[in-house]
Amino acid sequence: MNIPMINPVITKRASPYETEEGCLSLDGVRKTTRYQSIEVEFFDRNFKQQKQNFTGLAAQIIQHEIDHCDGILI
């Protein structure tokens, strides 16, 4: 699933859990808190406002990448 997201913002979070993640920007893995379910508002490739819900691994990956957009490394 490839969904281009311009200026993504997580607007809702549910069911936090602890996990370990690796990152191409860092060596090894680190503990972090993620949410099983998130709602994200963003602009699509046509600059149309979108709102979508994500769960599971897709939600975890989106949270990781939005952290990068916000200058956060795990």
PDB file of N, CA and C in Angstrom:
ATOM      1  N   MET A   1       0.851  -1.168   0.000  1.00  0.00           N
ATOM      2  CA  MET A   1       0.000   0.000   0.000  1.00  0.00           C
ATOM      3  C   MET A   1       0.902   1.238   0.000  1.00  0.00           C
ATOM      4  N   ASN A   2       0.824   2.035  -1.032  1.00  0.00           N
ATOM      5  CA  ASN A   2       1.556   3.292  -1.120  1.00  0.00           C
ATOM      6  C   ASN A   2       0.553   4.426  -1.126  1.00  0.00           C
ATOM      7  N   ILE A   3       0.589   5.236  -0.073  1.00  0.00           N
ATOM      8  CA  ILE A   3      -0.315   6.374   0.025  1.00  0.00           C
ATOM      9  C   ILE A   3       0.538   7.615   0.263  1.00  0.00           C
ATOM     10  N   PRO A   4       0.708   8.456  -0.751  1.00  0.00           N
ATOM     11  CA  PRO A   4       1.450   9.691  -0.514  1.00  0.00           C
ATOM     12  C   PRO A   4       0.675  10.583   0.451  1.00  0.00           C
ATOM     13  N   MET A   5       1.382  11.098   1.460  1.00  0.00           N
ATOM     14  CA  MET A   5       0.758  11.970   2.457  1.00  0.00           C
ATOM     15  C   MET A   5       1.552  13.259   2.544  1.00  0.00           C
ATOM     16  N   ILE A   6       0.880  14.364   2.296  1.00  0.00           N
ATOM     17  CA  ILE A   6       1.507  15.681   2.419  1.00  0.00           C
ATOM     18  C   ILE A   6       1.023  16.294   3.717  1.00  0.00           C
ATOM     19  N   ASN A   7       1.962  16.734   4.557  1.00  0.00           N
ATOM     20  CA  ASN A   7       1.671  17.322   5.865  1.00  0.00           C
ATOM     21  C   ASN A   7       0.756  16.447   6.721  1.00  0.00           C
ATOM     22  N   PRO A   8       1.130  15.185   6.948  1.00  0.00           N
ATOM     23  CA  PRO A   8       0.282  14.309   7.755  1.00  0.00           C
ATOM     24  C   PRO A   8       0.279  14.712   9.225  1.00  0.00           C
ATOM     25  N   VAL A   9      -0.894  14.588   9.851  1.00  0.00           N
ATOM     26  CA  VAL A   9      -1.052  14.875  11.277  1.00  0.00           C
ATOM     27  C   VAL A   9      -1.904  13.758  11.877  1.00  0.00           C
ATOM     28  N   ILE A  10      -1.409  13.166  12.959  1.00  0.00           N
ATOM     29  CA  ILE A  10      -2.197  12.156  13.655  1.00  0.00           C
ATOM     30  C   ILE A  10      -3.190  12.894  14.542  1.00  0.00           C
ATOM     31  N   THR A  11      -4.482  12.648  14.324  1.00  0.00           N
ATOM     32  CA  THR A  11      -5.519  13.369  15.049  1.00  0.00           C
ATOM     33  C   THR A  11      -6.173  12.532  16.148  1.00  0.00           C
ATOM     34  N   LYS A  12      -6.051  11.205  16.054  1.00  0.00           N
ATOM     35  CA  LYS A  12      -6.572  10.314  17.099  1.00  0.00           C
ATOM     36  C   LYS A  12      -5.632   9.137  17.256  1.00  0.00           C
ATOM     37  N   ARG A  13      -5.523   8.682  18.521  1.00  0.00           N
ATOM     38  CA  ARG A  13      -4.687   7.528  18.846  1.00  0.00           C
ATOM     39  C   ARG A  13      -5.454   6.643  19.813  1.00  0.00           C
ATOM     40  N   ALA A  14      -5.304   5.327  19.670  1.00  0.00           N
ATOM     41  CA  ALA A  14      -5.955   4.409  20.601  1.00  0.00           C
ATOM     42  C   ALA A  14      -5.083   3.178  20.813  1.00  0.00           C
ATOM     43  N   SER A  15      -5.160   2.628  22.000  1.00  0.00           N
ATOM     44  CA  SER A  15      -4.502   1.370  22.365  1.00  0.00           C
ATOM     45  C   SER A  15      -2.981   1.439  22.267  1.00  0.00           C
ATOM     46  N   PRO A  16      -2.337   2.167  23.192  1.00  0.00           N
ATOM     47  CA  PRO A  16      -0.872   2.230  23.180  1.00  0.00           C
ATOM     48  C   PRO A  16      -0.244   0.870  23.518  1.00  0.00           C
ATOM     49  N   TYR A  17       0.939   0.639  22.972  1.00  0.00           N
ATOM     50  CA  TYR A  17       1.706  -0.561  23.288  1.00  0.00           C
ATOM     51  C   TYR A  17       3.192  -0.240  23.161  1.00  0.00           C
ATOM     52  N   GLU A  18       4.000  -1.002  23.885  1.00  0.00           N
ATOM     53  CA  GLU A  18       5.452  -0.854  23.830  1.00  0.00           C
ATOM     54  C   GLU A  18       5.993  -1.795  22.767  1.00  0.00           C
ATOM     55  N   THR A  19       6.953  -1.319  21.991  1.00  0.00           N
ATOM     56  CA  THR A  19       7.568  -2.142  20.953  1.00  0.00           C
ATOM     57  C   THR A  19       9.019  -1.725  20.780  1.00  0.00           C
ATOM     58  N   GLU A  20       9.740  -2.451  19.972  1.00  0.00           N
ATOM     59  CA  GLU A  20      11.098  -2.082  19.593  1.00  0.00           C
ATOM     60  C   GLU A  20      11.119  -1.874  18.089  1.00  0.00           C
ATOM     61  N   GLU A  21      11.831  -0.841  17.661  1.00  0.00           N
ATOM     62  CA  GLU A  21      11.935  -0.546  16.237  1.00  0.00           C
ATOM     63  C   GLU A  21      13.389  -0.301  15.858  1.00  0.00           C
ATOM     64  N   GLY A  22      13.685  -0.651  14.641  1.00  0.00           N
ATOM     65  CA  GLY A  22      14.949  -0.285  14.033  1.00  0.00           C
ATOM     66  C   GLY A  22      14.699   0.873  13.085  1.00  0.00           C
ATOM     67  N   CYS A  23      15.780   1.501  12.662  1.00  0.00           N
ATOM     68  CA  CYS A  23      15.657   2.642  11.759  1.00  0.00           C
ATOM     69  C   CYS A  23      16.919   2.702  10.898  1.00  0.00           C
ATOM     70  N   LEU A  24      16.750   3.024   9.635  1.00  0.00           N
ATOM     71  CA  LEU A  24      17.915   3.139   8.757  1.00  0.00           C
ATOM     72  C   LEU A  24      18.811   4.306   9.160  1.00  0.00           C
ATOM     73  N   SER A  25      18.280   5.244   9.968  1.00  0.00           N
ATOM     74  CA  SER A  25      19.062   6.397  10.419  1.00  0.00           C
ATOM     75  C   SER A  25      19.932   6.071  11.630  1.00  0.00           C
ATOM     76  N   LEU A  26      19.688   4.942  12.293  1.00  0.00           N
ATOM     77  CA  LEU A  26      20.396   4.584  13.524  1.00  0.00           C
ATOM     78  C   LEU A  26      20.775   3.109  13.510  1.00  0.00           C
ATOM     79  N   ASP A  27      21.801   2.749  14.282  1.00  0.00           N
ATOM     80  CA  ASP A  27      22.170   1.343  14.440  1.00  0.00           C
ATOM     81  C   ASP A  27      21.325   0.712  15.529  1.00  0.00           C
ATOM     82  N   GLY A  28      21.001  -0.553  15.374  1.00  0.00           N
ATOM     83  CA  GLY A  28      20.300  -1.300  16.410  1.00  0.00           C
ATOM     84  C   GLY A  28      18.818  -1.000  16.469  1.00  0.00           C
ATOM     85  N   VAL A  29      18.200  -1.435  17.591  1.00  0.00           N
ATOM     86  CA  VAL A  29      16.782  -1.194  17.832  1.00  0.00           C
ATOM     87  C   VAL A  29      16.611  -0.428  19.135  1.00  0.00           C
ATOM     88  N   ARG A  30      15.474   0.238  19.262  1.00  0.00           N
ATOM     89  CA  ARG A  30      15.175   1.022  20.460  1.00  0.00           C
ATOM     90  C   ARG A  30      13.721   0.816  20.848  1.00  0.00           C
ATOM     91  N   LYS A  31      13.445   0.917  22.144  1.00  0.00           N
ATOM     92  CA  LYS A  31      12.079   0.807  22.636  1.00  0.00           C
ATOM     93  C   LYS A  31      11.323   2.096  22.351  1.00  0.00           C
ATOM     94  N   THR A  32      10.045   1.954  22.037  1.00  0.00           N
ATOM     95  CA  THR A  32       9.198   3.109  21.790  1.00  0.00           C
ATOM     96  C   THR A  32       7.743   2.737  22.072  1.00  0.00           C
ATOM     97  N   THR A  33       6.914   3.730  22.255  1.00  0.00           N
ATOM     98  CA  THR A  33       5.479   3.521  22.417  1.00  0.00           C
ATOM     99  C   THR A  33       4.789   3.871  21.110  1.00  0.00           C
ATOM    100  N   ARG A  34       3.950   2.984  20.644  1.00  0.00           N
ATOM    101  CA  ARG A  34       3.144   3.210  19.454  1.00  0.00           C
ATOM    102  C   ARG A  34       1.687   2.950  19.799  1.00  0.00           C
ATOM    103  N   TYR A  35       0.803   3.250  18.863  1.00  0.00           N
ATOM    104  CA  TYR A  35      -0.630   3.055  19.063  1.00  0.00           C
ATOM    105  C   TYR A  35      -1.151   2.084  18.012  1.00  0.00           C
ATOM    106  N   GLN A  36      -2.001   1.154  18.440  1.00  0.00           N
ATOM    107  CA  GLN A  36      -2.543   0.134  17.548  1.00  0.00           C
ATOM    108  C   GLN A  36      -3.438   0.744  16.474  1.00  0.00           C
ATOM    109  N   SER A  37      -4.123   1.838  16.800  1.00  0.00           N
ATOM    110  CA  SER A  37      -5.055   2.465  15.874  1.00  0.00           C
ATOM    111  C   SER A  37      -4.828   3.972  15.852  1.00  0.00           C
ATOM    112  N   ILE A  38      -4.745   4.543  14.641  1.00  0.00           N
ATOM    113  CA  ILE A  38      -4.562   5.991  14.511  1.00  0.00           C
ATOM    114  C   ILE A  38      -5.476   6.535  13.415  1.00  0.00           C
ATOM    115  N   GLU A  39      -5.798   7.810  13.544  1.00  0.00           N
ATOM    116  CA  GLU A  39      -6.483   8.536  12.478  1.00  0.00           C
ATOM    117  C   GLU A  39      -5.521   9.620  12.001  1.00  0.00           C
ATOM    118  N   VAL A  40      -5.365   9.731  10.680  1.00  0.00           N
ATOM    119  CA  VAL A  40      -4.414  10.684  10.109  1.00  0.00           C
ATOM    120  C   VAL A  40      -5.140  11.596   9.130  1.00  0.00           C
ATOM    121  N   GLU A  41      -4.907  12.902   9.280  1.00  0.00           N
ATOM    122  CA  GLU A  41      -5.381  13.879   8.308  1.00  0.00           C
ATOM    123  C   GLU A  41      -4.177  14.321   7.487  1.00  0.00           C
ATOM    124  N   PHE A  42      -4.361  14.416   6.172  1.00  0.00           N
ATOM    125  CA  PHE A  42      -3.258  14.764   5.277  1.00  0.00           C
ATOM    126  C   PHE A  42      -3.827  15.248   3.950  1.00  0.00           C
ATOM    127  N   PHE A  43      -2.968  15.814   3.128  1.00  0.00           N
ATOM    128  CA  PHE A  43      -3.333  16.166   1.765  1.00  0.00           C
ATOM    129  C   PHE A  43      -2.800  15.075   0.843  1.00  0.00           C
ATOM    130  N   ASP A  44      -3.606  14.674  -0.141  1.00  0.00           N
ATOM    131  CA  ASP A  44      -3.164  13.668  -1.095  1.00  0.00           C
ATOM    132  C   ASP A  44      -2.357  14.314  -2.219  1.00  0.00           C
ATOM    133  N   ARG A  45      -1.974  13.527  -3.203  1.00  0.00           N
ATOM    134  CA  ARG A  45      -1.128  14.027  -4.294  1.00  0.00           C
ATOM    135  C   ARG A  45      -1.790  15.133  -5.107  1.00  0.00           C
ATOM    136  N   ASN A  46      -3.123  15.260  -4.996  1.00  0.00           N
ATOM    137  CA  ASN A  46      -3.856  16.334  -5.678  1.00  0.00           C
ATOM    138  C   ASN A  46      -4.187  17.493  -4.737  1.00  0.00           C
ATOM    139  N   PHE A  47      -3.569  17.468  -3.554  1.00  0.00           N
ATOM    140  CA  PHE A  47      -3.766  18.478  -2.516  1.00  0.00           C
ATOM    141  C   PHE A  47      -5.202  18.533  -2.017  1.00  0.00           C
ATOM    142  N   LYS A  48      -5.879  17.398  -2.074  1.00  0.00           N
ATOM    143  CA  LYS A  48      -7.219  17.276  -1.519  1.00  0.00           C
ATOM    144  C   LYS A  48      -7.084  16.740  -0.096  1.00  0.00           C
ATOM    145  N   GLN A  49      -7.787  17.373   0.858  1.00  0.00           N
ATOM    146  CA  GLN A  49      -7.719  16.951   2.268  1.00  0.00           C
ATOM    147  C   GLN A  49      -8.312  15.550   2.414  1.00  0.00           C
ATOM    148  N   GLN A  50      -7.598  14.708   3.146  1.00  0.00           N
ATOM    149  CA  GLN A  50      -8.031  13.334   3.399  1.00  0.00           C
ATOM    150  C   GLN A  50      -7.992  13.051   4.890  1.00  0.00           C
ATOM    151  N   LYS A  51      -8.782  12.085   5.320  1.00  0.00           N
ATOM    152  CA  LYS A  51      -8.742  11.583   6.694  1.00  0.00           C
ATOM    153  C   LYS A  51      -8.912  10.070   6.592  1.00  0.00           C
ATOM    154  N   GLN A  52      -7.948   9.324   7.157  1.00  0.00           N
ATOM    155  CA  GLN A  52      -8.017   7.870   7.089  1.00  0.00           C
ATOM    156  C   GLN A  52      -7.615   7.266   8.421  1.00  0.00           C
ATOM    157  N   ASN A  53      -8.148   6.078   8.685  1.00  0.00           N
ATOM    158  CA  ASN A  53      -7.798   5.311   9.872  1.00  0.00           C
ATOM    159  C   ASN A  53      -6.873   4.172   9.459  1.00  0.00           C
ATOM    160  N   PHE A  54      -5.898   3.894  10.325  1.00  0.00           N
ATOM    161  CA  PHE A  54      -4.938   2.824  10.079  1.00  0.00           C
ATOM    162  C   PHE A  54      -4.772   2.021  11.359  1.00  0.00           C
ATOM    163  N   THR A  55      -4.504   0.715  11.200  1.00  0.00           N
ATOM    164  CA  THR A  55      -4.282  -0.152  12.348  1.00  0.00           C
ATOM    165  C   THR A  55      -3.073  -1.036  12.077  1.00  0.00           C
ATOM    166  N   GLY A  56      -2.612  -1.678  13.140  1.00  0.00           N
ATOM    167  CA  GLY A  56      -1.552  -2.673  13.030  1.00  0.00           C
ATOM    168  C   GLY A  56      -0.237  -2.127  12.508  1.00  0.00           C
ATOM    169  N   LEU A  57       0.407  -2.928  11.651  1.00  0.00           N
ATOM    170  CA  LEU A  57       1.732  -2.573  11.146  1.00  0.00           C
ATOM    171  C   LEU A  57       1.706  -1.272  10.337  1.00  0.00           C
ATOM    172  N   ALA A  58       0.660  -1.070   9.541  1.00  0.00           N
ATOM    173  CA  ALA A  58       0.568   0.179   8.769  1.00  0.00           C
ATOM    174  C   ALA A  58       0.559   1.380   9.706  1.00  0.00           C
ATOM    175  N   ALA A  59      -0.191   1.297  10.802  1.00  0.00           N
ATOM    176  CA  ALA A  59      -0.232   2.391  11.780  1.00  0.00           C
ATOM    177  C   ALA A  59       1.141   2.613  12.398  1.00  0.00           C
ATOM    178  N   GLN A  60       1.844   1.533  12.721  1.00  0.00           N
ATOM    179  CA  GLN A  60       3.170   1.655  13.328  1.00  0.00           C
ATOM    180  C   GLN A  60       4.147   2.334  12.374  1.00  0.00           C
ATOM    181  N   ILE A  61       4.135   1.947  11.121  1.00  0.00           N
ATOM    182  CA  ILE A  61       5.045   2.536  10.136  1.00  0.00           C
ATOM    183  C   ILE A  61       4.733   4.014   9.933  1.00  0.00           C
ATOM    184  N   ILE A  62       3.470   4.350   9.837  1.00  0.00           N
ATOM    185  CA  ILE A  62       3.085   5.764   9.656  1.00  0.00           C
ATOM    186  C   ILE A  62       3.534   6.592  10.847  1.00  0.00           C
ATOM    187  N   GLN A  63       3.361   6.076  12.061  1.00  0.00           N
ATOM    188  CA  GLN A  63       3.816   6.810  13.247  1.00  0.00           C
ATOM    189  C   GLN A  63       5.322   7.037  13.213  1.00  0.00           C
ATOM    190  N   HIS A  64       6.065   6.014  12.813  1.00  0.00           N
ATOM    191  CA  HIS A  64       7.528   6.123  12.710  1.00  0.00           C
ATOM    192  C   HIS A  64       7.915   7.219  11.717  1.00  0.00           C
ATOM    193  N   GLU A  65       7.277   7.211  10.552  1.00  0.00           N
ATOM    194  CA  GLU A  65       7.632   8.186   9.513  1.00  0.00           C
ATOM    195  C   GLU A  65       7.179   9.603   9.873  1.00  0.00           C
ATOM    196  N   ILE A  66       6.029   9.743  10.506  1.00  0.00           N
ATOM    197  CA  ILE A  66       5.593  11.074  10.948  1.00  0.00           C
ATOM    198  C   ILE A  66       6.547  11.600  12.016  1.00  0.00           C
ATOM    199  N   ASP A  67       7.057  10.708  12.881  1.00  0.00           N
ATOM    200  CA  ASP A  67       8.082  11.136  13.843  1.00  0.00           C
ATOM    201  C   ASP A  67       9.267  11.756  13.109  1.00  0.00           C
ATOM    202  N   HIS A  68       9.718  11.131  12.027  1.00  0.00           N
ATOM    203  CA  HIS A  68      10.824  11.698  11.233  1.00  0.00           C
ATOM    204  C   HIS A  68      10.470  13.092  10.720  1.00  0.00           C
ATOM    205  N   CYS A  69       9.249  13.248  10.213  1.00  0.00           N
ATOM    206  CA  CYS A  69       8.806  14.570   9.721  1.00  0.00           C
ATOM    207  C   CYS A  69       8.854  15.620  10.827  1.00  0.00           C
ATOM    208  N   ASP A  70       8.633  15.172  12.063  1.00  0.00           N
ATOM    209  CA  ASP A  70       8.647  16.087  13.212  1.00  0.00           C
ATOM    210  C   ASP A  70      10.028  16.187  13.861  1.00  0.00           C
ATOM    211  N   GLY A  71      11.051  15.586  13.222  1.00  0.00           N
ATOM    212  CA  GLY A  71      12.410  15.686  13.735  1.00  0.00           C
ATOM    213  C   GLY A  71      12.713  14.733  14.876  1.00  0.00           C
ATOM    214  N   ILE A  72      11.905  13.694  15.042  1.00  0.00           N
ATOM    215  CA  ILE A  72      12.081  12.734  16.151  1.00  0.00           C
ATOM    216  C   ILE A  72      12.684  11.455  15.612  1.00  0.00           C
ATOM    217  N   LEU A  73      13.784  11.019  16.225  1.00  0.00           N
ATOM    218  CA  LEU A  73      14.369   9.711  15.955  1.00  0.00           C
ATOM    219  C   LEU A  73      14.126   8.847  17.178  1.00  0.00           C
ATOM    220  N   ILE A  74      13.779   7.589  16.957  1.00  0.00           N
ATOM    221  CA  ILE A  74      13.518   6.707  18.098  1.00  0.00           C
ATOM    222  C   ILE A  74      14.790   6.427  18.851  1.00  0.00           C
TER     223      ILE A  74
END
